Amino acid sequence: MQITYPDITQCSALDLSRAIHTQQVSCREVMQATLAQVDRLNPLSNAIVSRVEPDLLMSQAAERDAQLARGQSLGWMHGLPQAIKDLANVQGLRTSLGSPLMKDFVAAEDGLMAQRMKAAGAIVIGKTNTPEFGLGSHTFNEVFGATRNAWNPSKSAGGSSGGAAVALAQRMLCVADGSDFMGSLRNPAGWNHVFGLRPSQGLVPMWPAQDVFIAQLGTEGPMARHVRDLAMLLSVQAGKHAASPLSLSQDPAVFAGSLDSDPKGTRIGWLGDLQGYLPMESGILDICQSALGSLSDMGCQVDEAVLGMPPEQVWQAWLVWRQALVGPRVAPFLVNAANREKIKPEALWEHDQSLSLTGAQLMSASATRTRFFQSMLQLFERFDVLAIPVAQTWPFDVTMRWPQSVAGRTMDTYHRWMEVVIYATFAGLPAISVPAGFGPDGLPMGLSLIGKPQGDLDLLKLAHAYEMANQAMIAQKPPGVL
């Protein structure tokens, strides 16, 4: 492959890595092209925040070139510019959490994910924008403002990894990190026409963390424009860590291997809108079923699947778990009562609801979660993969806080419009959002594929086969991206 300067930002991460290591392009050229792309597109999209000074970045890129000249490579990410989600620590950069209370906090050391990505050779150019405390699938905050959808700047980018998804779609990054509690890797991926993987519970350890035993619903993970790139980033992020006792000991090198496979015969269960339980805006089910048609054409067997227990029971147990985990994250900021007016109402609601929870309620919700997990295992006796839309709405107006209603039904919480994403999270299952196509207004939508427990590799192989069968659709670029 011969790479020319204008092509640098269009390359896949693996192609760019090969070009750097074969010295077809220098790390300095890659950094120059990346910064030019960010300068051109980021002022409108507002995806990358807390940017590092260009001179410092060029100096780091020059050092990467010098290392290669000496025959030294840090890893496959050697010289690749990266921006880390603004919920994770990067030494010397602000970790604002999107909160005015944290806008001046500068991390003294790297978090585990940043450590691993830097150790693989990445150069951190800044942070990617996120909603306040990462709450809500719409990326806006009082520190940096809103991140705008890559395909239509008047629309939401999704969240909470909205900055990462837009930076990918607009070719400001070739891969990106994110995190996912309630669809935060999947919803923005679906709304910006990229891939986002929520890994199996425990596959990607998170450190530092307030709690490492109970708080397992949130996980960090990878995003990319190509599944091979996503899998390679997962190979860097995953792996057992002593500070995370529930992290999995699976060798992360398996994700750096071949993803080639024959999907013929793969049994896919289509959950749809859960027999009408989930309100869906017009066209979403149609576009996702079109993507399922592609999987059928590849030889997969697609049949209707029914959730094994009443979804309202799952939701009520989910609310207890979420409030029990989110409330204590907000609580330290309320030690000073004057801070209350500087915290968004959705975060205050989570905190205030958590104050009345009892241990008995949490244990009851945990029992419900256990029954739900067992019901999912029963589904996986019939199916290899489950499929469901990645969102219940199309990207909405960027000035909205959250949809008050969906398809005529009133939403009773600020996050009920994203109820569709909770099933993979609650069962600790891997789930990947794949581009499903575009609606009549030209806005993207994603299809979520949910794998068996710790079936991340098989899920990636199916997603890769899907990508290869839909290359023309997936290769489409947002307006204004050269």
Protein backbone atom coordinates (compact mmCIF):
# COMPACT_ATOMS: atom_id res chain seq x y z
CA MET A 1 0.00 0.00 0.00
CA GLN A 2 1.31 3.42 -0.96
CA ILE A 3 -0.04 6.14 1.28
CA THR A 4 -0.11 9.83 0.40
CA TYR A 5 -0.49 12.71 2.81
CA PRO A 6 -4.16 13.53 2.03
CA ASP A 7 -5.10 9.89 2.64
CA ILE A 8 -3.73 9.68 6.18
CA THR A 9 -6.95 10.51 8.01
CA GLN A 10 -8.96 8.17 5.78
CA CYS A 11 -6.88 5.09 6.61
CA SER A 12 -7.98 2.32 8.88
CA ALA A 13 -5.96 2.13 12.07
CA LEU A 14 -4.24 -1.09 10.99
CA ASP A 15 -3.36 0.29 7.55
CA LEU A 16 -1.98 3.43 9.16
CA SER A 17 0.02 1.37 11.65
CA ARG A 18 1.54 -0.67 8.81
CA ALA A 19 2.37 2.50 6.87
CA ILE A 20 4.13 3.96 9.91
CA HIS A 21 6.10 0.79 10.61
CA THR A 22 7.19 0.41 6.99
CA GLN A 23 8.10 4.13 6.97
CA GLN A 24 5.77 4.97 4.10
CA VAL A 25 4.59 7.81 6.31
CA SER A 26 6.17 9.36 9.38
CA CYS A 27 4.58 9.81 12.78
CA ARG A 28 5.08 13.55 12.30
CA GLU A 29 3.11 13.48 9.04
CA VAL A 30 0.35 11.52 10.74
CA MET A 31 0.20 14.03 13.58
CA GLN A 32 0.18 16.99 11.18
CA ALA A 33 -2.67 15.50 9.14
CA THR A 34 -4.64 14.65 12.29
CA LEU A 35 -4.28 18.11 13.79
CA ALA A 36 -5.29 19.70 10.49
CA GLN A 37 -8.43 17.53 10.41
CA VAL A 38 -9.25 18.44 14.00
CA ASP A 39 -8.70 22.15 13.28
CA ARG A 40 -11.02 21.94 10.29
CA LEU A 41 -13.92 19.93 11.73
CA ASN A 42 -13.82 20.11 15.52
CA PRO A 43 -14.87 23.78 15.90
CA LEU A 44 -18.38 22.80 14.78
CA SER A 45 -18.70 19.24 16.08
CA ASN A 46 -16.98 19.87 19.45
CA ALA A 47 -15.91 16.26 19.78
CA ILE A 48 -12.37 16.73 21.12
CA VAL A 49 -11.76 18.92 24.18
CA SER A 50 -8.80 19.79 26.43
CA ARG A 51 -6.44 19.63 23.48
CA VAL A 52 -2.69 19.27 23.98
CA GLU A 53 -0.43 22.00 22.54
CA PRO A 54 0.53 21.16 18.92
CA ASP A 55 4.24 21.79 19.48
CA LEU A 56 4.31 19.22 22.27
CA LEU A 57 2.46 16.70 20.13
CA MET A 58 4.83 17.23 17.22
CA SER A 59 7.75 16.68 19.59
CA GLN A 60 6.23 13.40 20.79
CA ALA A 61 5.64 12.33 17.18
CA ALA A 62 9.28 13.13 16.35
CA GLU A 63 10.37 10.92 19.25
CA ARG A 64 8.23 8.08 17.89
CA ASP A 65 9.98 8.50 14.53
CA ALA A 66 13.36 8.43 16.25
CA GLN A 67 12.41 5.23 18.04
CA LEU A 68 11.49 3.56 14.75
CA ALA A 69 14.75 4.74 13.22
CA ARG A 70 16.52 2.88 16.04
CA GLY A 71 14.47 -0.23 15.30
CA GLN A 72 12.20 0.26 18.32
CA SER A 73 8.41 0.03 18.23
CA LEU A 74 6.19 0.36 21.28
CA GLY A 75 3.42 -1.65 19.62
CA TRP A 76 0.79 -1.56 16.92
CA MET A 77 -0.43 1.90 18.06
CA HIS A 78 3.06 3.41 17.69
CA GLY A 79 2.54 7.05 16.68
CA LEU A 80 -1.27 6.88 16.37
CA PRO A 81 -2.96 10.04 17.73
CA GLN A 82 -5.64 9.31 20.33
CA ALA A 83 -8.07 11.25 22.49
CA ILE A 84 -9.32 9.68 25.73
CA LYS A 85 -12.91 9.96 26.94
CA ASP A 86 -13.22 12.71 29.55
CA LEU A 87 -14.28 10.29 32.28
CA ALA A 88 -10.85 8.61 32.33
CA ASN A 89 -7.60 10.03 33.67
CA VAL A 90 -4.66 11.08 31.50
CA GLN A 91 -1.65 12.46 33.31
CA GLY A 92 -1.36 16.22 32.90
CA LEU A 93 -4.80 16.67 31.29
CA ARG A 94 -8.06 17.75 32.83
CA THR A 95 -10.58 15.09 33.81
CA SER A 96 -13.63 17.31 33.95
CA LEU A 97 -16.32 14.59 33.91
CA GLY A 98 -18.26 17.29 32.10
CA SER A 99 -18.92 18.92 35.49
CA PRO A 100 -18.26 22.55 36.44
CA LEU A 101 -17.13 21.19 39.80
CA MET A 102 -14.30 19.27 38.10
CA LYS A 103 -13.39 21.64 35.27
CA ASP A 104 -9.98 22.48 36.75
CA PHE A 105 -9.00 19.02 37.99
CA VAL A 106 -5.79 17.81 36.35
CA ALA A 107 -4.97 14.11 36.67
CA ALA A 108 -1.64 13.31 38.35
CA GLU A 109 -1.38 9.91 36.65
CA ASP A 110 -2.86 7.87 33.85
CA GLY A 111 -5.82 5.60 34.35
CA LEU A 112 -5.32 1.97 33.38
CA MET A 113 -6.81 2.32 29.91
CA ALA A 114 -4.64 5.33 29.05
CA GLN A 115 -1.62 3.49 30.46
CA ARG A 116 -2.23 0.53 28.18
CA MET A 117 -2.88 2.62 25.09
CA LYS A 118 0.23 4.74 25.67
CA ALA A 119 2.27 1.59 26.29
CA ALA A 120 1.14 0.37 22.85
CA GLY A 121 2.50 3.59 21.30
CA ALA A 122 -0.49 5.94 21.18
CA ILE A 123 0.00 9.70 21.50
CA VAL A 124 -2.79 11.43 23.44
CA ILE A 125 -3.89 14.67 21.75
CA GLY A 126 -6.72 15.55 24.14
CA LYS A 127 -9.98 14.22 25.58
CA THR A 128 -13.33 13.38 23.95
CA ASN A 129 -16.45 15.12 25.19
CA THR A 130 -19.01 13.43 27.43
CA PRO A 131 -22.18 14.43 29.29
CA GLU A 132 -21.91 15.49 32.93
CA PHE A 133 -20.75 12.49 34.99
CA GLY A 134 -21.37 10.40 31.85
CA LEU A 135 -25.11 10.36 32.60
CA GLY A 136 -27.58 10.40 29.73
CA SER A 137 -27.12 9.27 26.14
CA HIS A 138 -26.75 12.85 24.89
CA THR A 139 -23.34 14.54 25.00
CA PHE A 140 -23.66 18.03 26.43
CA ASN A 141 -22.33 19.71 29.55
CA GLU A 142 -21.76 23.12 31.14
CA VAL A 143 -17.98 22.94 30.72
CA PHE A 144 -17.53 22.37 26.99
CA GLY A 145 -21.04 22.52 25.54
CA ALA A 146 -22.70 20.00 23.22
CA THR A 147 -21.08 17.60 20.77
CA ARG A 148 -22.93 17.61 17.46
CA ASN A 149 -23.81 14.62 15.31
CA ALA A 150 -21.28 13.92 12.56
CA TRP A 151 -24.04 13.58 9.94
CA ASN A 152 -26.17 16.56 10.95
CA PRO A 153 -24.78 19.20 13.36
CA SER A 154 -28.29 20.17 14.46
CA LYS A 155 -28.74 16.71 16.00
CA SER A 156 -27.44 14.90 19.08
CA ALA A 157 -24.30 12.78 18.84
CA GLY A 158 -25.65 10.36 21.43
CA GLY A 159 -23.63 9.49 24.48
CA SER A 160 -22.00 9.20 26.72
CA SER A 161 -19.13 8.41 24.32
CA GLY A 162 -20.49 10.98 21.87
CA GLY A 163 -17.23 12.84 21.41
CA ALA A 164 -15.41 9.61 20.59
CA ALA A 165 -18.00 8.49 18.02
CA VAL A 166 -18.04 11.84 16.22
CA ALA A 167 -14.24 12.07 16.20
CA LEU A 168 -14.16 8.65 14.53
CA ALA A 169 -16.86 9.42 11.98
CA GLN A 170 -15.18 12.69 11.02
CA ARG A 171 -11.78 11.01 10.63
CA MET A 172 -10.18 12.94 13.50
CA LEU A 173 -9.27 9.60 15.11
CA CYS A 174 -8.78 6.14 13.61
CA VAL A 175 -9.88 4.29 16.77
CA ALA A 176 -11.27 5.56 20.05
CA ASP A 177 -11.95 4.46 23.60
CA GLY A 178 -15.23 4.87 25.40
CA SER A 179 -17.27 3.43 28.24
CA ASP A 180 -20.72 1.91 28.48
CA PHE A 181 -23.21 1.70 31.33
CA MET A 182 -26.51 2.31 29.53
CA GLY A 183 -25.48 2.04 25.89
CA SER A 184 -22.73 4.66 25.99
CA LEU A 185 -20.55 2.83 23.47
CA ARG A 186 -23.46 1.55 21.39
CA ASN A 187 -25.88 4.47 21.07
CA PRO A 188 -23.33 7.05 19.79
CA ALA A 189 -21.79 4.44 17.50
CA GLY A 190 -25.20 3.75 15.98
CA TRP A 191 -25.98 7.45 15.61
CA ASN A 192 -22.65 8.24 13.92
CA HIS A 193 -22.26 5.18 11.64
CA VAL A 194 -19.31 3.50 13.37
CA PHE A 195 -18.79 0.32 15.42
CA GLY A 196 -18.95 0.31 19.22
CA LEU A 197 -18.37 -2.74 21.42
CA ARG A 198 -19.53 -3.16 24.98
CA PRO A 199 -17.21 -5.99 26.13
CA SER A 200 -18.21 -8.81 28.43
CA GLN A 201 -18.34 -7.86 32.09
CA GLY A 202 -14.79 -8.02 33.46
CA LEU A 203 -12.97 -8.24 30.13
CA VAL A 204 -11.69 -4.65 30.25
CA PRO A 205 -10.73 -3.75 33.83
CA MET A 206 -11.35 -0.19 35.01
CA TRP A 207 -8.90 1.53 37.34
CA PRO A 208 -8.97 3.75 39.34
CA ALA A 209 -12.44 2.89 40.57
CA GLN A 210 -14.45 3.75 43.68
CA ASP A 211 -15.62 0.14 43.99
CA VAL A 212 -14.30 -3.00 42.28
CA PHE A 213 -16.71 -5.63 43.63
CA ILE A 214 -20.29 -4.44 43.06
CA ALA A 215 -20.06 -1.71 40.40
CA GLN A 216 -19.76 -3.98 37.36
CA LEU A 217 -22.50 -2.56 35.11
CA GLY A 218 -20.20 0.05 33.58
CA THR A 219 -17.24 -0.98 31.45
CA GLU A 220 -14.70 0.67 29.18
CA GLY A 221 -14.28 -0.55 25.63
CA PRO A 222 -13.36 0.23 22.01
CA MET A 223 -14.91 2.09 19.06
CA ALA A 224 -13.73 2.12 15.46
CA ARG A 225 -14.79 2.51 11.83
CA HIS A 226 -13.66 -1.07 11.10
CA VAL A 227 -14.14 -4.23 13.15
CA ARG A 228 -10.51 -5.35 12.79
CA ASP A 229 -9.38 -2.01 14.23
CA LEU A 230 -11.89 -2.34 17.05
CA ALA A 231 -10.63 -5.83 17.89
CA MET A 232 -7.03 -4.63 17.88
CA LEU A 233 -7.84 -1.85 20.33
CA LEU A 234 -9.67 -4.38 22.50
CA SER A 235 -6.48 -6.47 22.55
CA VAL A 236 -4.77 -3.47 24.18
CA GLN A 237 -7.57 -2.57 26.61
CA ALA A 238 -8.39 -6.10 27.82
CA GLY A 239 -6.44 -8.27 30.21
CA LYS A 240 -6.39 -9.21 33.87
CA HIS A 241 -5.27 -6.53 36.33
CA ALA A 242 -4.46 -7.08 40.00
CA ALA A 243 -6.37 -4.00 41.16
CA SER A 244 -9.54 -5.32 39.50
CA PRO A 245 -10.22 -8.68 41.18
CA LEU A 246 -13.23 -9.53 38.98
CA SER A 247 -11.38 -8.89 35.72
CA LEU A 248 -11.15 -11.86 33.36
CA SER A 249 -7.91 -13.74 32.80
CA GLN A 250 -8.59 -14.38 29.10
CA ASP A 251 -5.52 -13.73 26.93
CA PRO A 252 -6.25 -10.45 25.10
CA ALA A 253 -3.97 -11.50 22.24
CA VAL A 254 -6.84 -13.58 20.83
CA PHE A 255 -8.45 -10.34 19.64
CA ALA A 256 -5.37 -9.48 17.56
CA GLY A 257 -5.75 -12.67 15.51
CA SER A 258 -7.81 -13.37 12.42
CA LEU A 259 -11.50 -12.52 12.42
CA ASP A 260 -12.21 -14.42 9.22
CA SER A 261 -15.04 -16.91 9.59
CA ASP A 262 -18.02 -18.32 7.76
CA PRO A 263 -21.23 -17.01 9.36
CA LYS A 264 -23.41 -19.56 7.57
CA GLY A 265 -25.71 -21.29 10.01
CA THR A 266 -25.35 -18.70 12.77
CA ARG A 267 -28.67 -18.56 14.62
CA ILE A 268 -29.80 -14.98 15.26
CA GLY A 269 -32.77 -14.15 17.49
CA TRP A 270 -34.54 -10.90 16.57
CA LEU A 271 -35.90 -9.21 19.71
CA GLY A 272 -37.27 -6.18 17.82
CA ASP A 273 -39.41 -3.99 20.08
CA LEU A 274 -40.12 -6.83 22.53
CA GLN A 275 -43.58 -7.52 21.11
CA GLY A 276 -44.57 -3.86 21.28
CA TYR A 277 -43.27 -3.21 24.80
CA LEU A 278 -40.56 -0.76 23.64
CA PRO A 279 -41.83 2.37 21.84
CA MET A 280 -39.85 2.92 18.64
CA GLU A 281 -39.86 5.86 16.30
CA SER A 282 -41.00 5.15 12.77
CA GLY A 283 -38.43 3.54 10.48
CA ILE A 284 -36.06 2.16 13.12
CA LEU A 285 -37.39 -1.39 13.05
CA ASP A 286 -37.44 -1.29 9.24
CA ILE A 287 -33.79 -0.24 8.90
CA CYS A 288 -32.68 -2.83 11.45
CA GLN A 289 -34.65 -5.57 9.73
CA SER A 290 -32.97 -4.57 6.48
CA ALA A 291 -29.60 -5.15 8.19
CA LEU A 292 -30.90 -8.51 9.41
CA GLY A 293 -31.76 -9.29 5.79
CA SER A 294 -28.09 -8.85 4.94
CA LEU A 295 -27.21 -11.36 7.65
CA SER A 296 -29.77 -13.77 6.20
CA ASP A 297 -28.18 -13.34 2.78
CA MET A 298 -24.86 -14.32 4.36
CA GLY A 299 -26.37 -17.63 5.44
CA CYS A 300 -27.44 -16.75 8.98
CA GLN A 301 -30.73 -18.10 10.25
CA VAL A 302 -32.83 -15.22 11.61
CA ASP A 303 -35.92 -15.96 13.69
CA GLU A 304 -38.05 -14.01 16.17
CA ALA A 305 -36.96 -14.21 19.80
CA VAL A 306 -38.98 -13.46 22.92
CA LEU A 307 -37.41 -12.14 26.10
CA GLY A 308 -37.69 -14.82 28.78
CA MET A 309 -39.31 -12.65 31.47
CA PRO A 310 -41.54 -9.55 31.59
CA PRO A 311 -39.38 -6.58 30.52
CA GLU A 312 -41.05 -4.25 33.06
CA GLN A 313 -39.65 -6.48 35.83
CA VAL A 314 -36.21 -6.10 34.30
CA TRP A 315 -36.62 -2.32 34.14
CA GLN A 316 -37.67 -1.97 37.76
CA ALA A 317 -34.70 -4.07 38.92
CA TRP A 318 -32.47 -2.03 36.62
CA LEU A 319 -33.61 1.23 38.25
CA VAL A 320 -32.63 -0.06 41.68
CA TRP A 321 -29.20 -1.20 40.51
CA ARG A 322 -28.54 2.00 38.59
CA GLN A 323 -29.53 4.28 41.45
CA ALA A 324 -27.52 2.18 43.92
CA LEU A 325 -24.42 2.56 41.73
CA VAL A 326 -24.84 6.10 40.42
CA GLY A 327 -26.02 7.75 43.65
CA PRO A 328 -22.74 7.15 45.53
CA ARG A 329 -20.79 8.56 42.57
CA VAL A 330 -22.65 11.84 42.90
CA ALA A 331 -22.69 11.91 46.71
CA PRO A 332 -19.12 13.19 47.27
CA PHE A 333 -19.93 16.31 45.25
CA LEU A 334 -22.83 17.06 47.60
CA VAL A 335 -20.82 17.08 50.82
CA ASN A 336 -20.77 20.82 50.19
CA ALA A 337 -24.48 21.66 49.92
CA ALA A 338 -23.68 24.72 47.80
CA ASN A 339 -22.58 22.41 44.99
CA ARG A 340 -26.13 21.21 44.43
CA GLU A 341 -26.97 24.12 42.12
CA LYS A 342 -23.95 23.23 39.95
CA ILE A 343 -25.06 19.63 39.30
CA LYS A 344 -27.52 18.76 36.55
CA PRO A 345 -31.00 17.71 37.70
CA GLU A 346 -30.74 14.21 36.20
CA ALA A 347 -27.70 13.45 38.39
CA LEU A 348 -29.44 14.91 41.44
CA TRP A 349 -32.46 12.69 40.73
CA GLU A 350 -30.26 9.58 40.65
CA HIS A 351 -28.63 10.62 43.95
CA ASP A 352 -31.86 11.55 45.72
CA GLN A 353 -33.59 8.33 44.66
CA SER A 354 -30.65 6.30 45.96
CA LEU A 355 -31.01 7.74 49.47
CA SER A 356 -34.19 5.76 50.11
CA LEU A 357 -32.90 2.44 48.79
CA THR A 358 -32.42 -0.38 51.28
CA GLY A 359 -30.13 -3.37 51.24
CA ALA A 360 -33.19 -5.59 50.97
CA GLN A 361 -34.29 -3.76 47.82
CA LEU A 362 -30.88 -4.19 46.22
CA MET A 363 -30.80 -7.90 47.07
CA SER A 364 -34.31 -8.31 45.63
CA ALA A 365 -33.20 -6.52 42.46
CA SER A 366 -30.13 -8.74 42.33
CA ALA A 367 -32.35 -11.82 42.53
CA THR A 368 -34.38 -10.44 39.61
CA ARG A 369 -31.17 -9.85 37.73
CA THR A 370 -30.15 -13.46 38.39
CA ARG A 371 -33.45 -14.74 36.99
CA PHE A 372 -33.00 -12.51 33.98
CA PHE A 373 -29.50 -13.87 33.36
CA GLN A 374 -30.83 -17.42 33.54
CA SER A 375 -33.57 -16.54 31.06
CA MET A 376 -30.93 -15.16 28.68
CA LEU A 377 -28.97 -18.39 28.97
CA GLN A 378 -32.10 -20.26 27.94
CA LEU A 379 -32.44 -18.02 24.88
CA PHE A 380 -28.84 -18.83 23.97
CA GLU A 381 -29.75 -22.51 23.85
CA ARG A 382 -31.79 -21.61 20.74
CA PHE A 383 -29.70 -18.74 19.37
CA ASP A 384 -26.02 -17.89 18.96
CA VAL A 385 -26.64 -14.13 18.85
CA LEU A 386 -29.52 -11.83 19.75
CA ALA A 387 -30.33 -8.70 17.75
CA ILE A 388 -32.13 -5.51 18.79
CA PRO A 389 -32.11 -1.87 17.64
CA VAL A 390 -29.40 0.21 19.27
CA ALA A 391 -31.81 3.07 20.00
CA GLN A 392 -35.53 3.79 20.15
CA THR A 393 -35.30 7.24 18.56
CA TRP A 394 -33.45 8.82 15.69
CA PRO A 395 -30.87 11.47 16.67
CA PHE A 396 -32.91 14.33 18.12
CA ASP A 397 -32.41 18.10 18.28
CA VAL A 398 -29.09 18.92 19.93
CA THR A 399 -30.76 21.56 22.11
CA MET A 400 -33.03 19.00 23.83
CA ARG A 401 -31.99 17.50 27.16
CA TRP A 402 -33.76 14.20 26.46
CA PRO A 403 -36.90 12.99 24.67
CA GLN A 404 -40.01 13.52 26.77
CA SER A 405 -41.94 11.02 24.66
CA VAL A 406 -41.22 8.32 22.10
CA ALA A 407 -43.81 7.25 19.52
CA GLY A 408 -46.53 8.92 21.56
CA ARG A 409 -45.57 7.35 24.90
CA THR A 410 -44.42 9.58 27.77
CA MET A 411 -40.98 8.81 29.17
CA ASP A 412 -41.11 8.65 32.98
CA THR A 413 -37.34 9.03 33.52
CA TYR A 414 -34.55 10.89 31.73
CA HIS A 415 -33.14 7.62 30.40
CA ARG A 416 -36.21 5.50 29.67
CA TRP A 417 -35.94 6.40 25.98
CA MET A 418 -32.80 4.19 25.94
CA GLU A 419 -34.37 1.20 27.72
CA VAL A 420 -33.51 -0.92 24.67
CA VAL A 421 -29.81 -1.09 25.68
CA ILE A 422 -30.16 -2.44 29.21
CA TYR A 423 -30.48 -6.14 28.40
CA ALA A 424 -26.86 -6.76 27.42
CA THR A 425 -25.63 -4.62 30.31
CA PHE A 426 -27.80 -6.26 32.96
CA ALA A 427 -26.72 -9.76 31.91
CA GLY A 428 -23.03 -8.80 31.58
CA LEU A 429 -23.02 -9.83 27.91
CA PRO A 430 -20.92 -8.51 25.02
CA ALA A 431 -22.81 -6.35 22.53
CA ILE A 432 -21.64 -4.60 19.39
CA SER A 433 -23.40 -1.83 17.50
CA VAL A 434 -23.00 -2.25 13.74
CA PRO A 435 -24.10 0.36 11.18
CA ALA A 436 -27.56 -0.61 9.95
CA GLY A 437 -28.05 2.13 7.38
CA PHE A 438 -29.74 5.52 7.08
CA GLY A 439 -33.24 6.80 7.61
CA PRO A 440 -35.19 9.05 5.20
CA ASP A 441 -33.55 12.16 6.72
CA GLY A 442 -30.06 10.76 6.14
CA LEU A 443 -29.44 10.00 9.81
CA PRO A 444 -27.65 6.77 10.80
CA MET A 445 -29.02 3.96 12.93
CA GLY A 446 -27.25 0.96 14.42
CA LEU A 447 -28.18 -2.65 15.04
CA SER A 448 -27.02 -4.18 18.32
CA LEU A 449 -25.77 -7.77 18.20
CA ILE A 450 -25.60 -9.43 21.64
CA GLY A 451 -23.29 -12.39 22.17
CA LYS A 452 -23.17 -15.27 24.60
CA PRO A 453 -21.37 -14.88 27.95
CA GLN A 454 -17.70 -14.11 27.20
CA GLY A 455 -18.42 -14.67 23.51
CA ASP A 456 -16.67 -11.47 22.45
CA LEU A 457 -14.46 -13.10 19.83
CA ASP A 458 -17.33 -14.92 18.10
CA LEU A 459 -19.34 -11.68 18.13
CA LEU A 460 -16.44 -9.77 16.55
CA LYS A 461 -16.12 -12.42 13.84
CA LEU A 462 -19.80 -12.11 12.95
CA ALA A 463 -19.56 -8.30 12.92
CA HIS A 464 -16.50 -8.51 10.67
CA ALA A 465 -18.33 -10.78 8.23
CA TYR A 466 -21.23 -8.30 8.25
CA GLU A 467 -18.84 -5.44 7.52
CA MET A 468 -17.27 -7.30 4.60
CA ALA A 469 -20.73 -7.95 3.13
CA ASN A 470 -21.80 -4.31 3.50
CA GLN A 471 -18.62 -2.41 2.64
CA ALA A 472 -20.24 0.18 0.37
CA MET A 473 -22.84 1.17 2.97
CA ILE A 474 -20.37 1.21 5.85
CA ALA A 475 -17.79 3.23 3.88
CA GLN A 476 -20.14 6.21 3.52
CA LYS A 477 -18.76 9.43 5.04
CA PRO A 478 -20.51 12.28 6.81
CA PRO A 479 -21.03 15.52 4.85
CA GLY A 480 -17.91 17.69 4.77
CA VAL A 481 -15.49 14.83 5.50
CA LEU A 482 -12.98 14.58 2.67
